[in-house]
Protein backbone atom coordinates (compact mmCIF):
# COMPACT_ATOMS: atom_id res chain seq x y z
CA MET A 1 -0.12 0.01 -0.18
CA ARG A 2 2.67 2.33 0.77
CA ALA A 3 4.48 1.64 -2.42
CA PHE A 4 1.46 2.17 -4.40
CA ARG A 5 0.72 5.72 -2.72
CA LYS A 6 4.62 6.56 -3.37
CA ILE A 7 4.10 5.63 -7.04
CA ARG A 8 0.93 7.87 -7.39
CA ARG A 9 2.82 10.72 -5.64
CA ILE A 10 5.66 10.47 -7.99
CA ALA A 11 3.26 10.27 -11.06
CA SER A 12 1.20 13.35 -9.66
CA GLY A 13 4.47 15.23 -9.51
CA LEU A 14 5.57 14.22 -13.11
CA ARG A 15 2.33 15.60 -14.46
CA ILE A 16 2.55 18.93 -12.68
CA PHE A 17 6.13 19.16 -13.91
CA SER A 18 5.03 18.17 -17.75
CA GLY A 19 2.30 20.79 -17.70
CA LEU A 20 4.78 23.49 -16.27
CA THR A 21 7.24 22.75 -18.81
CA ILE A 22 4.54 22.90 -21.59
CA LEU A 23 3.43 26.19 -20.30
CA ALA A 24 6.85 27.74 -20.18
CA TRP A 25 7.59 26.39 -23.63
CA ILE A 26 4.43 28.16 -24.78
CA CYS A 27 5.43 31.33 -22.89
CA VAL A 28 8.85 31.49 -24.32
CA ALA A 29 7.84 30.52 -28.00
CA GLY A 30 5.10 33.41 -27.91
CA GLY A 31 7.78 35.98 -26.57
CA GLY A 32 10.28 34.72 -29.17
CA ALA A 33 7.53 35.16 -32.03
CA ALA A 34 6.82 38.89 -30.56
CA LEU A 35 10.71 39.42 -30.57
CA ALA A 36 11.16 38.21 -34.22
CA GLN A 37 8.55 40.46 -35.62
CA GLY A 38 10.49 41.75 -38.62
CA PRO A 39 9.97 44.78 -40.88
CA SER A 40 7.25 45.68 -43.30
CA PHE A 41 9.13 44.03 -46.24
CA SER A 42 9.93 40.49 -46.82
CA CYS A 43 13.19 39.35 -45.43
CA THR A 44 13.55 35.98 -47.34
CA LYS A 45 15.42 37.48 -50.33
CA THR A 46 17.47 40.24 -49.08
CA GLU A 47 21.30 40.29 -49.92
CA ALA A 48 23.94 39.22 -47.40
CA GLY A 49 25.55 42.37 -46.04
CA SER A 50 22.89 44.65 -47.21
CA ILE A 51 21.01 47.42 -45.30
CA GLU A 52 17.61 45.33 -45.52
CA GLU A 53 19.50 42.28 -43.88
CA MET A 54 20.52 44.63 -41.28
CA ILE A 55 16.93 45.88 -40.69
CA CYS A 56 15.61 42.40 -40.70
CA GLN A 57 17.90 41.21 -37.95
CA ASP A 58 17.41 44.48 -35.56
CA GLY A 59 14.15 44.55 -33.72
CA GLU A 60 14.47 48.43 -33.44
CA LEU A 61 15.00 49.26 -36.90
CA SER A 62 12.27 46.69 -37.83
CA ASN A 63 9.93 48.65 -35.59
CA LEU A 64 10.95 51.96 -37.06
CA ASP A 65 10.45 50.15 -40.66
CA ARG A 66 6.97 49.18 -39.74
CA LYS A 67 6.19 52.74 -37.98
CA LEU A 68 7.08 54.49 -41.29
CA THR A 69 5.01 52.15 -43.43
CA GLY A 70 1.94 53.21 -41.26
CA VAL A 71 2.97 56.94 -41.53
CA TYR A 72 3.43 56.60 -45.32
CA SER A 73 0.07 54.97 -45.52
CA GLU A 74 -1.60 57.87 -43.95
CA ALA A 75 0.50 60.58 -45.83
CA SER A 76 -0.65 58.58 -49.26
CA ARG A 77 -4.27 59.20 -48.16
CA LYS A 78 -3.67 62.75 -47.90
CA ALA A 79 -1.75 62.94 -50.95
CA ALA A 80 -4.43 61.25 -53.13
CA ASN A 81 -5.09 64.53 -55.07
CA GLU A 82 -1.40 65.79 -55.01
CA HIS A 83 -0.42 67.34 -58.27
CA PRO A 84 2.21 66.38 -59.40
CA PRO A 85 2.15 63.12 -57.49
CA THR A 86 5.65 63.52 -55.76
CA LEU A 87 5.04 61.44 -52.55
CA LYS A 88 5.88 57.99 -54.16
CA ALA A 89 8.85 59.37 -56.14
CA GLU A 90 10.19 61.08 -52.76
CA GLN A 91 9.84 57.76 -51.16
CA ARG A 92 11.79 55.86 -53.68
CA GLY A 93 14.67 58.42 -53.42
CA TRP A 94 14.65 58.10 -49.48
CA ILE A 95 14.82 54.38 -49.74
CA LYS A 96 17.96 54.79 -51.92
CA GLY A 97 19.41 57.19 -49.63
CA ARG A 98 18.67 54.80 -46.55
CA ASP A 99 20.34 52.09 -48.56
CA ASP A 100 23.40 54.20 -49.18
CA CYS A 101 23.89 53.99 -45.39
CA TRP A 102 26.43 51.15 -46.22
CA LYS A 103 28.82 53.89 -46.83
CA SER A 104 28.48 55.40 -43.14
CA THR A 105 31.19 54.49 -40.50
CA ASP A 106 27.98 53.88 -38.27
CA LYS A 107 25.59 52.10 -40.50
CA ARG A 108 23.13 51.20 -38.01
CA GLN A 109 22.87 54.88 -36.41
CA CYS A 110 22.70 56.27 -40.06
CA VAL A 111 19.84 53.81 -40.77
CA ALA A 112 17.94 54.80 -37.57
CA ASP A 113 18.29 58.48 -38.08
CA SER A 114 17.36 57.91 -41.68
CA TYR A 115 13.88 56.40 -40.48
CA THR A 116 13.47 59.00 -37.61
CA TYR A 117 13.72 61.96 -39.93
CA ARG A 118 11.63 60.59 -42.36
CA ILE A 119 8.60 59.85 -40.18
CA ALA A 120 8.94 63.32 -38.74
CA GLU A 121 9.08 64.89 -42.36
CA LEU A 122 6.09 62.99 -43.25
CA GLN A 123 4.08 63.72 -40.27
CA ALA A 124 4.96 67.47 -40.50
CA LYS A 125 4.51 67.76 -44.35
CA TYR A 126 0.90 66.03 -44.32
CA ARG A 127 -0.27 67.26 -41.11
CA LEU A 128 -0.53 64.09 -39.41
CA VAL A 129 0.21 65.41 -35.79
CA SER A 130 -0.58 68.41 -33.71
CA ALA A 131 0.80 71.76 -34.80
CA THR A 132 0.68 75.30 -33.71
CA SER A 133 -1.10 77.84 -35.64
CA PRO A 134 1.18 79.62 -38.17
CA ILE A 135 3.23 82.49 -36.49
CA VAL A 136 4.37 85.48 -38.46
CA TYR A 137 7.70 86.93 -37.91
CA ALA A 138 8.61 90.18 -39.45
CA CYS A 139 12.27 90.45 -40.41
CA ASP A 140 14.75 93.41 -40.38
CA GLY A 141 12.03 96.06 -39.42
CA ASN A 142 10.00 95.35 -42.68
CA ARG A 143 6.55 94.04 -42.18
CA SER A 144 6.53 92.69 -45.68
CA ASN A 145 9.74 90.71 -45.27
CA GLU A 146 8.05 87.97 -43.29
CA VAL A 147 8.79 84.39 -42.21
CA VAL A 148 5.89 82.24 -41.42
CA ALA A 149 6.47 79.35 -38.95
CA THR A 150 4.48 76.30 -37.96
CA PHE A 151 5.66 74.15 -35.22
CA PHE A 152 4.97 70.36 -35.27
CA GLN A 153 5.06 67.95 -32.58
CA THR A 154 7.17 65.12 -34.24
CA ASP A 155 10.06 63.29 -32.88
CA PRO A 156 12.19 65.07 -33.35
CA PRO A 157 10.03 68.55 -33.38
CA THR A 158 9.99 70.15 -36.65
CA LEU A 159 9.00 73.29 -38.12
CA ILE A 160 7.76 74.34 -41.54
CA ALA A 161 9.01 77.94 -42.28
CA GLU A 162 7.66 79.93 -45.40
CA HIS A 163 9.47 82.68 -46.86
CA GLY A 164 8.63 84.34 -50.04
CA ASP A 165 7.89 81.70 -52.38
CA SER A 166 10.02 79.03 -50.79
CA VAL A 167 9.29 76.69 -48.00
CA SER A 168 11.81 74.83 -45.67
CA LEU A 169 11.33 72.07 -43.31
CA MET A 170 13.49 72.29 -40.46
CA TYR A 171 14.56 69.86 -37.24
CA ALA A 172 15.09 70.87 -33.73
CA GLN A 173 18.80 70.95 -32.74
CA PRO A 174 20.42 71.03 -29.40
CA SER A 175 20.49 74.59 -28.15
CA GLY A 176 21.55 76.21 -24.86
CA SER A 177 18.68 78.75 -24.87
CA GLY A 178 15.57 78.99 -27.22
CA SER A 179 14.64 76.82 -29.79
CA LYS A 180 16.88 76.11 -32.75
CA TYR A 181 15.94 74.52 -36.01
CA GLN A 182 18.17 73.72 -38.93
CA GLY A 183 17.02 72.79 -42.41
CA ARG A 184 19.05 72.00 -45.63
CA ASN A 185 20.38 75.63 -46.18
CA GLU A 186 18.05 77.44 -43.83
CA SER A 187 17.94 77.78 -39.92
CA PHE A 188 15.66 79.33 -37.31
CA TRP A 189 16.65 80.08 -33.76
CA GLU A 190 13.95 81.49 -31.84
CA HIS A 191 13.96 82.92 -28.13
CA GLN A 192 11.59 85.27 -26.21
CA GLY A 193 9.58 86.10 -29.30
CA GLU A 194 12.48 87.10 -31.35
CA ALA A 195 14.34 84.86 -34.16
CA VAL A 196 17.47 84.92 -36.11
CA VAL A 197 16.82 83.28 -39.47
CA THR A 198 19.11 82.33 -42.28
CA TRP A 199 17.48 81.69 -45.63
CA GLY A 200 19.75 80.08 -48.45
CA TYR A 201 23.43 79.02 -48.35
CA GLU A 202 25.58 81.44 -46.86
CA ALA A 203 22.80 84.10 -46.72
CA PRO A 204 23.15 86.95 -44.09
CA GLU A 205 21.19 86.49 -41.00
CA MET A 206 17.69 88.20 -40.67
CA ARG A 207 16.54 89.50 -37.36
CA CYS A 208 12.90 88.68 -36.97
CA LYS A 209 10.41 89.82 -34.28
CA LYS A 210 6.88 87.82 -33.86
CA ALA A 211 4.29 89.89 -35.53
CA LEU A 212 1.20 87.80 -35.33
CA THR A 213 -0.57 84.38 -35.28
CA ARG A 214 -2.58 83.61 -38.39
């Protein structure tokens, strides 16, 4: 009788252990599947050593790729009646630029920055995030010489500035005081309602004061 009871206890223990082992395996498998979630594109035909292969093997870069795909889809809906239809062409150009990160000394950081700035650009350009009302700055004491700035809650923060017939998208930069933004050949540094603006390569600085909000 004692031997029979001992056998039952052992059998019961084995069933519990087996159940816990299966549960643990399910949890690990489920977690592994979540961690293994890849980018928006297929990883089955990526070339060895390519930027796409790097993205496929990096969870953070894969997340950025999926986020950009969602943002691009939103922007595409806003750009449905765009003339000329520039969004697709710009995206193809961006992909080429991303893939050129293989030339960078820090390839991973180059790819991550490329995604981050493209996401912010689309969110600002197509008004997919919250923004301020356009703010008018009169420059060099001339009310007709104005810069109109709209600030967007992207990551990093962005602004779209208009001056005459040209428009510039700028990204926030580290600054000891005020808010500083840098575009391709333009910059905007605002502090307490006044801004120092450069517009164009090696252009002179303009001293601008906040005039009104449109």
